[in-house]
Amino acid sequence: PLEWSEELAAFADEWARALAPRGLDLRHRPNNPYGENLFALTGRRASPAEVVDAWGSEERLYDPEENDWWPEAGHFSQLVWRSSRRLGCAVARAGDTEAWVCNYDPRGNWRGERPY
């Protein structure tokens, strides 16, 4: 199970604040030692459940027979990655845009490995 990490939440907050002014132009943090899921929207606010549900909805794109999850189900696979133990998330707003960042430690999404 994942445990909340204030350290990872602070790390996520730094990147969310950098992303929010970019609107929907999301980019993963360069040289990030952690796993990372990103989400952005404009015009309204999202709930944490909505964000996690968006990532989780990619489960339908994961083929466990072939262990084929990349890249279409990468958010889902990181969400359930078996060896990730710590999680920290943050949301930042700029104008009418929200940027959400979650970081996972240790990182998941290793090609060729199964998420669970």
PDB file of N, CA and C in Angstrom:
ATOM      1  N   PRO A   1       0.824  -1.207   0.000  1.00  0.00           N
ATOM      2  CA  PRO A   1       0.000   0.000   0.000  1.00  0.00           C
ATOM      3  C   PRO A   1       0.861   1.260   0.000  1.00  0.00           C
ATOM      4  N   LEU A   2       0.320   2.297  -0.572  1.00  0.00           N
ATOM      5  CA  LEU A   2       1.014   3.581  -0.610  1.00  0.00           C
ATOM      6  C   LEU A   2       0.824   4.337   0.698  1.00  0.00           C
ATOM      7  N   GLU A   3       1.891   5.003   1.134  1.00  0.00           N
ATOM      8  CA  GLU A   3       1.825   5.879   2.296  1.00  0.00           C
ATOM      9  C   GLU A   3       2.069   7.304   1.832  1.00  0.00           C
ATOM     10  N   TRP A   4       1.367   8.249   2.447  1.00  0.00           N
ATOM     11  CA  TRP A   4       1.521   9.662   2.117  1.00  0.00           C
ATOM     12  C   TRP A   4       2.897  10.153   2.549  1.00  0.00           C
ATOM     13  N   SER A   5       3.528  10.961   1.697  1.00  0.00           N
ATOM     14  CA  SER A   5       4.834  11.538   1.986  1.00  0.00           C
ATOM     15  C   SER A   5       4.773  13.052   1.823  1.00  0.00           C
ATOM     16  N   GLU A   6       5.005  13.772   2.902  1.00  0.00           N
ATOM     17  CA  GLU A   6       5.061  15.236   2.821  1.00  0.00           C
ATOM     18  C   GLU A   6       6.227  15.682   1.938  1.00  0.00           C
ATOM     19  N   GLU A   7       7.318  14.934   1.980  1.00  0.00           N
ATOM     20  CA  GLU A   7       8.478  15.255   1.138  1.00  0.00           C
ATOM     21  C   GLU A   7       8.108  15.192  -0.344  1.00  0.00           C
ATOM     22  N   LEU A   8       7.423  14.126  -0.740  1.00  0.00           N
ATOM     23  CA  LEU A   8       7.013  14.004  -2.141  1.00  0.00           C
ATOM     24  C   LEU A   8       5.928  15.013  -2.493  1.00  0.00           C
ATOM     25  N   ALA A   9       5.064  15.342  -1.537  1.00  0.00           N
ATOM     26  CA  ALA A   9       4.032  16.355  -1.793  1.00  0.00           C
ATOM     27  C   ALA A   9       4.679  17.712  -2.060  1.00  0.00           C
ATOM     28  N   ALA A  10       5.718  18.057  -1.300  1.00  0.00           N
ATOM     29  CA  ALA A  10       6.424  19.321  -1.524  1.00  0.00           C
ATOM     30  C   ALA A  10       7.124  19.307  -2.883  1.00  0.00           C
ATOM     31  N   PHE A  11       7.704  18.169  -3.240  1.00  0.00           N
ATOM     32  CA  PHE A  11       8.360  18.024  -4.539  1.00  0.00           C
ATOM     33  C   PHE A  11       7.334  18.185  -5.658  1.00  0.00           C
ATOM     34  N   ALA A  12       6.163  17.562  -5.496  1.00  0.00           N
ATOM     35  CA  ALA A  12       5.086  17.674  -6.486  1.00  0.00           C
ATOM     36  C   ALA A  12       4.582  19.110  -6.580  1.00  0.00           C
ATOM     37  N   ASP A  13       4.496  19.788  -5.441  1.00  0.00           N
ATOM     38  CA  ASP A  13       4.006  21.164  -5.422  1.00  0.00           C
ATOM     39  C   ASP A  13       4.913  22.091  -6.236  1.00  0.00           C
ATOM     40  N   GLU A  14       6.214  21.908  -6.120  1.00  0.00           N
ATOM     41  CA  GLU A  14       7.151  22.726  -6.914  1.00  0.00           C
ATOM     42  C   GLU A  14       6.847  22.599  -8.399  1.00  0.00           C
ATOM     43  N   TRP A  15       6.636  21.365  -8.853  1.00  0.00           N
ATOM     44  CA  TRP A  15       6.419  21.151 -10.286  1.00  0.00           C
ATOM     45  C   TRP A  15       5.022  21.591 -10.712  1.00  0.00           C
ATOM     46  N   ALA A  16       4.027  21.368  -9.864  1.00  0.00           N
ATOM     47  CA  ALA A  16       2.669  21.820 -10.194  1.00  0.00           C
ATOM     48  C   ALA A  16       2.651  23.334 -10.380  1.00  0.00           C
ATOM     49  N   ARG A  17       3.364  24.058  -9.525  1.00  0.00           N
ATOM     50  CA  ARG A  17       3.433  25.524  -9.644  1.00  0.00           C
ATOM     51  C   ARG A  17       4.135  25.953 -10.933  1.00  0.00           C
ATOM     52  N   ALA A  18       5.088  25.166 -11.387  1.00  0.00           N
ATOM     53  CA  ALA A  18       5.766  25.476 -12.650  1.00  0.00           C
ATOM     54  C   ALA A  18       4.867  25.164 -13.846  1.00  0.00           C
ATOM     55  N   LEU A  19       4.046  24.124 -13.729  1.00  0.00           N
ATOM     56  CA  LEU A  19       3.201  23.702 -14.852  1.00  0.00           C
ATOM     57  C   LEU A  19       1.944  24.544 -15.025  1.00  0.00           C
ATOM     58  N   ALA A  20       1.324  24.970 -13.945  1.00  0.00           N
ATOM     59  CA  ALA A  20       0.022  25.648 -14.029  1.00  0.00           C
ATOM     60  C   ALA A  20       0.009  26.817 -15.010  1.00  0.00           C
ATOM     61  N   PRO A  21       1.014  27.685 -15.033  1.00  0.00           N
ATOM     62  CA  PRO A  21       0.983  28.793 -15.993  1.00  0.00           C
ATOM     63  C   PRO A  21       1.094  28.351 -17.456  1.00  0.00           C
ATOM     64  N   ARG A  22       1.479  27.104 -17.694  1.00  0.00           N
ATOM     65  CA  ARG A  22       1.621  26.596 -19.064  1.00  0.00           C
ATOM     66  C   ARG A  22       0.295  26.117 -19.642  1.00  0.00           C
ATOM     67  N   GLY A  23      -0.759  26.150 -18.859  1.00  0.00           N
ATOM     68  CA  GLY A  23      -2.047  25.673 -19.342  1.00  0.00           C
ATOM     69  C   GLY A  23      -2.055  24.163 -19.476  1.00  0.00           C
ATOM     70  N   LEU A  24      -2.520  23.673 -20.600  1.00  0.00           N
ATOM     71  CA  LEU A  24      -2.628  22.233 -20.809  1.00  0.00           C
ATOM     72  C   LEU A  24      -1.362  21.628 -21.401  1.00  0.00           C
ATOM     73  N   ASP A  25      -0.317  22.407 -21.529  1.00  0.00           N
ATOM     74  CA  ASP A  25       0.955  21.944 -22.085  1.00  0.00           C
ATOM     75  C   ASP A  25       1.781  21.298 -20.970  1.00  0.00           C
ATOM     76  N   LEU A  26       1.434  20.067 -20.624  1.00  0.00           N
ATOM     77  CA  LEU A  26       2.114  19.372 -19.531  1.00  0.00           C
ATOM     78  C   LEU A  26       3.408  18.734 -19.998  1.00  0.00           C
ATOM     79  N   ARG A  27       4.382  18.768 -19.136  1.00  0.00           N
ATOM     80  CA  ARG A  27       5.672  18.122 -19.376  1.00  0.00           C
ATOM     81  C   ARG A  27       6.108  17.457 -18.083  1.00  0.00           C
ATOM     82  N   HIS A  28       6.679  16.254 -18.209  1.00  0.00           N
ATOM     83  CA  HIS A  28       7.224  15.613 -17.016  1.00  0.00           C
ATOM     84  C   HIS A  28       8.466  16.365 -16.550  1.00  0.00           C
ATOM     85  N   ARG A  29       8.662  16.350 -15.252  1.00  0.00           N
ATOM     86  CA  ARG A  29       9.803  17.036 -14.652  1.00  0.00           C
ATOM     87  C   ARG A  29      11.093  16.379 -15.141  1.00  0.00           C
ATOM     88  N   PRO A  30      12.032  17.164 -15.668  1.00  0.00           N
ATOM     89  CA  PRO A  30      13.298  16.594 -16.143  1.00  0.00           C
ATOM     90  C   PRO A  30      14.096  15.995 -14.980  1.00  0.00           C
ATOM     91  N   ASN A  31      14.756  14.902 -15.253  1.00  0.00           N
ATOM     92  CA  ASN A  31      15.637  14.246 -14.280  1.00  0.00           C
ATOM     93  C   ASN A  31      14.929  13.919 -12.972  1.00  0.00           C
ATOM     94  N   ASN A  32      13.664  13.594 -13.069  1.00  0.00           N
ATOM     95  CA  ASN A  32      12.860  13.282 -11.891  1.00  0.00           C
ATOM     96  C   ASN A  32      13.224  11.891 -11.374  1.00  0.00           C
ATOM     97  N   PRO A  33      13.653  11.778 -10.118  1.00  0.00           N
ATOM     98  CA  PRO A  33      13.991  10.455  -9.586  1.00  0.00           C
ATOM     99  C   PRO A  33      12.761   9.638  -9.193  1.00  0.00           C
ATOM    100  N   TYR A  34      11.572  10.236  -9.287  1.00  0.00           N
ATOM    101  CA  TYR A  34      10.343   9.582  -8.847  1.00  0.00           C
ATOM    102  C   TYR A  34       9.427   9.288 -10.029  1.00  0.00           C
ATOM    103  N   GLY A  35       8.502   8.365  -9.821  1.00  0.00           N
ATOM    104  CA  GLY A  35       7.424   8.180 -10.775  1.00  0.00           C
ATOM    105  C   GLY A  35       6.525   9.405 -10.718  1.00  0.00           C
ATOM    106  N   GLU A  36       5.832   9.682 -11.821  1.00  0.00           N
ATOM    107  CA  GLU A  36       5.048  10.918 -11.863  1.00  0.00           C
ATOM    108  C   GLU A  36       3.806  10.746 -12.722  1.00  0.00           C
ATOM    109  N   ASN A  37       2.679  11.190 -12.200  1.00  0.00           N
ATOM    110  CA  ASN A  37       1.445  11.312 -12.968  1.00  0.00           C
ATOM    111  C   ASN A  37       1.047  12.777 -13.005  1.00  0.00           C
ATOM    112  N   LEU A  38       0.597  13.227 -14.176  1.00  0.00           N
ATOM    113  CA  LEU A  38       0.193  14.618 -14.379  1.00  0.00           C
ATOM    114  C   LEU A  38      -1.251  14.673 -14.859  1.00  0.00           C
ATOM    115  N   PHE A  39      -1.907  15.774 -14.524  1.00  0.00           N
ATOM    116  CA  PHE A  39      -3.288  16.001 -14.956  1.00  0.00           C
ATOM    117  C   PHE A  39      -3.503  17.506 -14.989  1.00  0.00           C
ATOM    118  N   ALA A  40      -4.199  17.990 -16.000  1.00  0.00           N
ATOM    119  CA  ALA A  40      -4.520  19.424 -16.066  1.00  0.00           C
ATOM    120  C   ALA A  40      -5.901  19.608 -16.674  1.00  0.00           C
ATOM    121  N   LEU A  41      -6.537  20.698 -16.293  1.00  0.00           N
ATOM    122  CA  LEU A  41      -7.802  21.074 -16.906  1.00  0.00           C
ATOM    123  C   LEU A  41      -7.983  22.578 -16.774  1.00  0.00           C
ATOM    124  N   THR A  42      -8.859  23.105 -17.599  1.00  0.00           N
ATOM    125  CA  THR A  42      -9.149  24.535 -17.548  1.00  0.00           C
ATOM    126  C   THR A  42     -10.651  24.737 -17.387  1.00  0.00           C
ATOM    127  N   GLY A  43     -11.002  25.884 -16.832  1.00  0.00           N
ATOM    128  CA  GLY A  43     -12.398  26.280 -16.760  1.00  0.00           C
ATOM    129  C   GLY A  43     -13.162  25.810 -15.547  1.00  0.00           C
ATOM    130  N   ARG A  44     -12.601  24.902 -14.788  1.00  0.00           N
ATOM    131  CA  ARG A  44     -13.267  24.431 -13.573  1.00  0.00           C
ATOM    132  C   ARG A  44     -12.240  23.747 -12.684  1.00  0.00           C
ATOM    133  N   ARG A  45     -12.676  23.391 -11.499  1.00  0.00           N
ATOM    134  CA  ARG A  45     -11.793  22.698 -10.569  1.00  0.00           C
ATOM    135  C   ARG A  45     -12.147  21.218 -10.529  1.00  0.00           C
ATOM    136  N   ALA A  46     -11.126  20.412 -10.385  1.00  0.00           N
ATOM    137  CA  ALA A  46     -11.319  18.966 -10.278  1.00  0.00           C
ATOM    138  C   ALA A  46     -11.197  18.555  -8.812  1.00  0.00           C
ATOM    139  N   SER A  47     -11.810  17.446  -8.485  1.00  0.00           N
ATOM    140  CA  SER A  47     -11.632  16.864  -7.157  1.00  0.00           C
ATOM    141  C   SER A  47     -10.494  15.845  -7.237  1.00  0.00           C
ATOM    142  N   PRO A  48      -9.862  15.537  -6.107  1.00  0.00           N
ATOM    143  CA  PRO A  48      -8.843  14.486  -6.134  1.00  0.00           C
ATOM    144  C   PRO A  48      -9.393  13.171  -6.697  1.00  0.00           C
ATOM    145  N   ALA A  49     -10.624  12.835  -6.350  1.00  0.00           N
ATOM    146  CA  ALA A  49     -11.220  11.595  -6.860  1.00  0.00           C
ATOM    147  C   ALA A  49     -11.338  11.617  -8.381  1.00  0.00           C
ATOM    148  N   GLU A  50     -11.697  12.759  -8.949  1.00  0.00           N
ATOM    149  CA  GLU A  50     -11.812  12.867 -10.406  1.00  0.00           C
ATOM    150  C   GLU A  50     -10.463  12.652 -11.081  1.00  0.00           C
ATOM    151  N   VAL A  51      -9.418  13.216 -10.499  1.00  0.00           N
ATOM    152  CA  VAL A  51      -8.079  13.074 -11.072  1.00  0.00           C
ATOM    153  C   VAL A  51      -7.636  11.613 -11.027  1.00  0.00           C
ATOM    154  N   VAL A  52      -7.767  10.989  -9.870  1.00  0.00           N
ATOM    155  CA  VAL A  52      -7.369   9.586  -9.734  1.00  0.00           C
ATOM    156  C   VAL A  52      -8.238   8.699 -10.626  1.00  0.00           C
ATOM    157  N   ASP A  53      -9.515   8.992 -10.722  1.00  0.00           N
ATOM    158  CA  ASP A  53     -10.392   8.221 -11.610  1.00  0.00           C
ATOM    159  C   ASP A  53      -9.964   8.346 -13.070  1.00  0.00           C
ATOM    160  N   ALA A  54      -9.504   9.525 -13.475  1.00  0.00           N
ATOM    161  CA  ALA A  54      -9.031   9.707 -14.855  1.00  0.00           C
ATOM    162  C   ALA A  54      -7.832   8.802 -15.121  1.00  0.00           C
ATOM    163  N   TRP A  55      -6.899   8.769 -14.193  1.00  0.00           N
ATOM    164  CA  TRP A  55      -5.746   7.881 -14.357  1.00  0.00           C
ATOM    165  C   TRP A  55      -6.182   6.420 -14.308  1.00  0.00           C
ATOM    166  N   GLY A  56      -7.053   6.098 -13.368  1.00  0.00           N
ATOM    167  CA  GLY A  56      -7.519   4.721 -13.224  1.00  0.00           C
ATOM    168  C   GLY A  56      -8.328   4.227 -14.405  1.00  0.00           C
ATOM    169  N   SER A  57      -8.978   5.142 -15.122  1.00  0.00           N
ATOM    170  CA  SER A  57      -9.796   4.738 -16.271  1.00  0.00           C
ATOM    171  C   SER A  57      -8.952   4.126 -17.386  1.00  0.00           C
ATOM    172  N   GLU A  58      -7.647   4.327 -17.335  1.00  0.00           N
ATOM    173  CA  GLU A  58      -6.764   3.733 -18.340  1.00  0.00           C
ATOM    174  C   GLU A  58      -6.629   2.223 -18.167  1.00  0.00           C
ATOM    175  N   GLU A  59      -7.161   1.687 -17.068  1.00  0.00           N
ATOM    176  CA  GLU A  59      -7.088   0.238 -16.855  1.00  0.00           C
ATOM    177  C   GLU A  59      -7.653  -0.512 -18.057  1.00  0.00           C
ATOM    178  N   ARG A  60      -8.677   0.025 -18.678  1.00  0.00           N
ATOM    179  CA  ARG A  60      -9.299  -0.647 -19.830  1.00  0.00           C
ATOM    180  C   ARG A  60      -8.330  -0.754 -21.009  1.00  0.00           C
ATOM    181  N   LEU A  61      -7.264   0.054 -21.009  1.00  0.00           N
ATOM    182  CA  LEU A  61      -6.281   0.028 -22.091  1.00  0.00           C
ATOM    183  C   LEU A  61      -5.118  -0.918 -21.800  1.00  0.00           C
ATOM    184  N   TYR A  62      -5.085  -1.465 -20.589  1.00  0.00           N
ATOM    185  CA  TYR A  62      -4.002  -2.369 -20.197  1.00  0.00           C
ATOM    186  C   TYR A  62      -4.365  -3.796 -20.575  1.00  0.00           C
ATOM    187  N   ASP A  63      -3.455  -4.463 -21.269  1.00  0.00           N
ATOM    188  CA  ASP A  63      -3.653  -5.854 -21.666  1.00  0.00           C
ATOM    189  C   ASP A  63      -2.759  -6.732 -20.795  1.00  0.00           C
ATOM    190  N   PRO A  64      -3.318  -7.370 -19.751  1.00  0.00           N
ATOM    191  CA  PRO A  64      -2.482  -8.173 -18.865  1.00  0.00           C
ATOM    192  C   PRO A  64      -1.884  -9.403 -19.545  1.00  0.00           C
ATOM    193  N   GLU A  65      -2.563  -9.925 -20.557  1.00  0.00           N
ATOM    194  CA  GLU A  65      -2.028 -11.086 -21.278  1.00  0.00           C
ATOM    195  C   GLU A  65      -0.696 -10.742 -21.940  1.00  0.00           C
ATOM    196  N   GLU A  66      -0.650  -9.593 -22.552  1.00  0.00           N
ATOM    197  CA  GLU A  66       0.553  -9.146 -23.261  1.00  0.00           C
ATOM    198  C   GLU A  66       1.436  -8.258 -22.389  1.00  0.00           C
ATOM    199  N   ASN A  67       0.948  -7.910 -21.204  1.00  0.00           N
ATOM    200  CA  ASN A  67       1.607  -6.925 -20.341  1.00  0.00           C
ATOM    201  C   ASN A  67       1.893  -5.657 -21.134  1.00  0.00           C
ATOM    202  N   ASP A  68       0.903  -5.243 -21.892  1.00  0.00           N
ATOM    203  CA  ASP A  68       1.040  -4.071 -22.760  1.00  0.00           C
ATOM    204  C   ASP A  68       0.323  -2.897 -22.121  1.00  0.00           C
ATOM    205  N   TRP A  69       1.087  -1.986 -21.548  1.00  0.00           N
ATOM    206  CA  TRP A  69       0.494  -0.817 -20.899  1.00  0.00           C
ATOM    207  C   TRP A  69       1.088   0.481 -21.400  1.00  0.00           C
ATOM    208  N   TRP A  70       2.198   0.432 -22.115  1.00  0.00           N
ATOM    209  CA  TRP A  70       2.891   1.651 -22.515  1.00  0.00           C
ATOM    210  C   TRP A  70       2.501   2.054 -23.910  1.00  0.00           C
ATOM    211  N   PRO A  71       2.251   3.300 -24.240  1.00  0.00           N
ATOM    212  CA  PRO A  71       2.127   4.437 -23.325  1.00  0.00           C
ATOM    213  C   PRO A  71       0.689   4.714 -22.908  1.00  0.00           C
ATOM    214  N   GLU A  72      -0.277   4.016 -23.519  1.00  0.00           N
ATOM    215  CA  GLU A  72      -1.684   4.382 -23.333  1.00  0.00           C
ATOM    216  C   GLU A  72      -2.171   4.256 -21.897  1.00  0.00           C
ATOM    217  N   ALA A  73      -1.613   3.342 -21.135  1.00  0.00           N
ATOM    218  CA  ALA A  73      -2.087   3.109 -19.768  1.00  0.00           C
ATOM    219  C   ALA A  73      -1.010   3.420 -18.736  1.00  0.00           C
ATOM    220  N   GLY A  74      -0.101   4.304 -19.069  1.00  0.00           N
ATOM    221  CA  GLY A  74       1.010   4.627 -18.169  1.00  0.00           C
ATOM    222  C   GLY A  74       0.590   5.267 -16.862  1.00  0.00           C
ATOM    223  N   HIS A  75      -0.466   6.086 -16.889  1.00  0.00           N
ATOM    224  CA  HIS A  75      -0.951   6.672 -15.632  1.00  0.00           C
ATOM    225  C   HIS A  75      -1.504   5.574 -14.726  1.00  0.00           C
ATOM    226  N   PHE A  76      -2.303   4.683 -15.317  1.00  0.00           N
ATOM    227  CA  PHE A  76      -2.874   3.576 -14.548  1.00  0.00           C
ATOM    228  C   PHE A  76      -1.778   2.701 -13.965  1.00  0.00           C
ATOM    229  N   SER A  77      -0.808   2.313 -14.799  1.00  0.00           N
ATOM    230  CA  SER A  77       0.216   1.387 -14.317  1.00  0.00           C
ATOM    231  C   SER A  77       1.028   2.004 -13.177  1.00  0.00           C
ATOM    232  N   GLN A  78       1.340   3.298 -13.244  1.00  0.00           N
ATOM    233  CA  GLN A  78       2.056   3.924 -12.134  1.00  0.00           C
ATOM    234  C   GLN A  78       1.178   3.973 -10.887  1.00  0.00           C
ATOM    235  N   LEU A  79      -0.089   4.206 -11.072  1.00  0.00           N
ATOM    236  CA  LEU A  79      -1.034   4.268  -9.952  1.00  0.00           C
ATOM    237  C   LEU A  79      -1.046   2.966  -9.152  1.00  0.00           C
ATOM    238  N   VAL A  80      -0.910   1.829  -9.823  1.00  0.00           N
ATOM    239  CA  VAL A  80      -1.004   0.525  -9.160  1.00  0.00           C
ATOM    240  C   VAL A  80       0.341  -0.198  -9.068  1.00  0.00           C
ATOM    241  N   TRP A  81       1.428   0.465  -9.413  1.00  0.00           N
ATOM    242  CA  TRP A  81       2.725  -0.210  -9.479  1.00  0.00           C
ATOM    243  C   TRP A  81       3.071  -0.855  -8.140  1.00  0.00           C
ATOM    244  N   ARG A  82       3.359  -2.143  -8.171  1.00  0.00           N
ATOM    245  CA  ARG A  82       3.492  -2.952  -6.955  1.00  0.00           C
ATOM    246  C   ARG A  82       4.619  -2.526  -6.020  1.00  0.00           C
ATOM    247  N   SER A  83       5.700  -1.984  -6.527  1.00  0.00           N
ATOM    248  CA  SER A  83       6.830  -1.660  -5.645  1.00  0.00           C
ATOM    249  C   SER A  83       6.831  -0.211  -5.167  1.00  0.00           C
ATOM    250  N   SER A  84       5.951   0.622  -5.676  1.00  0.00           N
ATOM    251  CA  SER A  84       5.875   2.007  -5.187  1.00  0.00           C
ATOM    252  C   SER A  84       5.289   1.991  -3.776  1.00  0.00           C
ATOM    253  N   ARG A  85       5.926   2.718  -2.858  1.00  0.00           N
ATOM    254  CA  ARG A  85       5.517   2.702  -1.454  1.00  0.00           C
ATOM    255  C   ARG A  85       5.079   4.063  -0.927  1.00  0.00           C
ATOM    256  N   ARG A  86       5.646   5.139  -1.478  1.00  0.00           N
ATOM    257  CA  ARG A  86       5.329   6.479  -0.978  1.00  0.00           C
ATOM    258  C   ARG A  86       4.699   7.298  -2.091  1.00  0.00           C
ATOM    259  N   LEU A  87       3.800   8.206  -1.699  1.00  0.00           N
ATOM    260  CA  LEU A  87       3.061   9.041  -2.640  1.00  0.00           C
ATOM    261  C   LEU A  87       2.961  10.451  -2.084  1.00  0.00           C
ATOM    262  N   GLY A  88       3.136  11.427  -2.954  1.00  0.00           N
ATOM    263  CA  GLY A  88       2.895  12.820  -2.600  1.00  0.00           C
ATOM    264  C   GLY A  88       2.305  13.533  -3.793  1.00  0.00           C
ATOM    265  N   CYS A  89       1.263  14.320  -3.575  1.00  0.00           N
ATOM    266  CA  CYS A  89       0.558  14.997  -4.660  1.00  0.00           C
ATOM    267  C   CYS A  89       0.345  16.464  -4.329  1.00  0.00           C
ATOM    268  N   ALA A  90       0.121  17.246  -5.376  1.00  0.00           N
ATOM    269  CA  ALA A  90      -0.171  18.671  -5.201  1.00  0.00           C
ATOM    270  C   ALA A  90      -0.960  19.164  -6.401  1.00  0.00           C
ATOM    271  N   VAL A  91      -1.680  20.268  -6.181  1.00  0.00           N
ATOM    272  CA  VAL A  91      -2.391  20.950  -7.261  1.00  0.00           C
ATOM    273  C   VAL A  91      -2.028  22.423  -7.180  1.00  0.00           C
ATOM    274  N   ALA A  92      -1.844  23.035  -8.340  1.00  0.00           N
ATOM    275  CA  ALA A  92      -1.577  24.477  -8.405  1.00  0.00           C
ATOM    276  C   ALA A  92      -2.517  25.081  -9.438  1.00  0.00           C
ATOM    277  N   ARG A  93      -2.866  26.336  -9.216  1.00  0.00           N
ATOM    278  CA  ARG A  93      -3.781  27.036 -10.120  1.00  0.00           C
ATOM    279  C   ARG A  93      -3.120  28.289 -10.665  1.00  0.00           C
ATOM    280  N   ALA A  94      -3.382  28.558 -11.940  1.00  0.00           N
ATOM    281  CA  ALA A  94      -2.947  29.799 -12.590  1.00  0.00           C
ATOM    282  C   ALA A  94      -4.068  30.193 -13.543  1.00  0.00           C
ATOM    283  N   GLY A  95      -4.691  31.325 -13.275  1.00  0.00           N
ATOM    284  CA  GLY A  95      -5.853  31.709 -14.079  1.00  0.00           C
ATOM    285  C   GLY A  95      -6.944  30.676 -13.914  1.00  0.00           C
ATOM    286  N   ASP A  96      -7.440  30.146 -15.040  1.00  0.00           N
ATOM    287  CA  ASP A  96      -8.492  29.131 -14.956  1.00  0.00           C
ATOM    288  C   ASP A  96      -7.953  27.717 -15.163  1.00  0.00           C
ATOM    289  N   THR A  97      -6.640  27.540 -15.007  1.00  0.00           N
ATOM    290  CA  THR A  97      -6.004  26.239 -15.212  1.00  0.00           C
ATOM    291  C   THR A  97      -5.585  25.625 -13.886  1.00  0.00           C
ATOM    292  N   GLU A  98      -5.800  24.324 -13.770  1.00  0.00           N
ATOM    293  CA  GLU A  98      -5.280  23.547 -12.648  1.00  0.00           C
ATOM    294  C   GLU A  98      -4.262  22.553 -13.180  1.00  0.00           C
ATOM    295  N   ALA A  99      -3.158  22.404 -12.477  1.00  0.00           N
ATOM    296  CA  ALA A  99      -2.161  21.381 -12.787  1.00  0.00           C
ATOM    297  C   ALA A  99      -2.001  20.495 -11.557  1.00  0.00           C
ATOM    298  N   TRP A 100      -2.167  19.210 -11.743  1.00  0.00           N
ATOM    299  CA  TRP A 100      -2.036  18.218 -10.682  1.00  0.00           C
ATOM    300  C   TRP A 100      -0.791  17.391 -10.937  1.00  0.00           C
ATOM    301  N   VAL A 101      -0.038  17.124  -9.885  1.00  0.00           N
ATOM    302  CA  VAL A 101       1.162  16.302  -9.970  1.00  0.00           C
ATOM    303  C   VAL A 101       1.145  15.317  -8.804  1.00  0.00           C
ATOM    304  N   CYS A 102       1.386  14.053  -9.092  1.00  0.00           N
ATOM    305  CA  CYS A 102       1.614  13.051  -8.054  1.00  0.00           C
ATOM    306  C   CYS A 102       2.952  12.384  -8.333  1.00  0.00           C
ATOM    307  N   ASN A 103       3.753  12.238  -7.283  1.00  0.00           N
ATOM    308  CA  ASN A 103       5.037  11.555  -7.382  1.00  0.00           C
ATOM    309  C   ASN A 103       5.010  10.284  -6.542  1.00  0.00           C
ATOM    310  N   TYR A 104       5.690   9.249  -7.043  1.00  0.00           N
ATOM    311  CA  TYR A 104       5.690   7.917  -6.444  1.00  0.00           C
ATOM    312  C   TYR A 104       7.131   7.473  -6.212  1.00  0.00           C
ATOM    313  N   ASP A 105       7.367   6.839  -5.065  1.00  0.00           N
ATOM    314  CA  ASP A 105       8.706   6.353  -4.728  1.00  0.00           C
ATOM    315  C   ASP A 105       8.599   4.961  -4.121  1.00  0.00           C
ATOM    316  N   PRO A 106       9.374   4.012  -4.656  1.00  0.00           N
ATOM    317  CA  PRO A 106      10.185   4.156  -5.857  1.00  0.00           C
ATOM    318  C   PRO A 106       9.311   4.233  -7.109  1.00  0.00           C
ATOM    319  N   ARG A 107       9.903   4.780  -8.147  1.00  0.00           N
ATOM    320  CA  ARG A 107       9.176   4.954  -9.402  1.00  0.00           C
ATOM    321  C   ARG A 107       8.785   3.602  -9.985  1.00  0.00           C
ATOM    322  N   GLY A 108       7.721   3.601 -10.748  1.00  0.00           N
ATOM    323  CA  GLY A 108       7.275   2.401 -11.447  1.00  0.00           C
ATOM    324  C   GLY A 108       7.430   2.585 -12.944  1.00  0.00           C
ATOM    325  N   ASN A 109       6.595   1.875 -13.674  1.00  0.00           N
ATOM    326  CA  ASN A 109       6.568   1.960 -15.134  1.00  0.00           C
ATOM    327  C   ASN A 109       7.879   1.522 -15.778  1.00  0.00           C
ATOM    328  N   TRP A 110       8.390   0.391 -15.310  1.00  0.00           N
ATOM    329  CA  TRP A 110       9.569  -0.174 -15.950  1.00  0.00           C
ATOM    330  C   TRP A 110       9.101  -1.076 -17.085  1.00  0.00           C
ATOM    331  N   ARG A 111       9.518  -0.739 -18.292  1.00  0.00           N
ATOM    332  CA  ARG A 111       9.113  -1.508 -19.473  1.00  0.00           C
ATOM    333  C   ARG A 111       9.508  -2.971 -19.294  1.00  0.00           C
ATOM    334  N   GLY A 112       8.602  -3.847 -19.678  1.00  0.00           N
ATOM    335  CA  GLY A 112       8.839  -5.276 -19.577  1.00  0.00           C
ATOM    336  C   GLY A 112       8.436  -5.873 -18.240  1.00  0.00           C
ATOM    337  N   GLU A 113       8.182  -5.040 -17.238  1.00  0.00           N
ATOM    338  CA  GLU A 113       7.744  -5.532 -15.931  1.00  0.00           C
ATOM    339  C   GLU A 113       6.237  -5.364 -15.797  1.00  0.00           C
ATOM    340  N   ARG A 114       5.657  -6.209 -14.990  1.00  0.00           N
ATOM    341  CA  ARG A 114       4.222  -6.125 -14.736  1.00  0.00           C
ATOM    342  C   ARG A 114       3.953  -5.149 -13.599  1.00  0.00           C
ATOM    343  N   PRO A 115       2.875  -4.358 -13.722  1.00  0.00           N
ATOM    344  CA  PRO A 115       2.599  -3.377 -12.675  1.00  0.00           C
ATOM    345  C   PRO A 115       2.188  -4.004 -11.350  1.00  0.00           C
ATOM    346  N   TYR A 116       1.583  -5.195 -11.392  1.00  0.00           N
ATOM    347  CA  TYR A 116       1.155  -5.847 -10.148  1.00  0.00           C
ATOM    348  C   TYR A 116       1.248  -7.341 -10.290  1.00  0.00           C
TER     349      TYR A 116
END
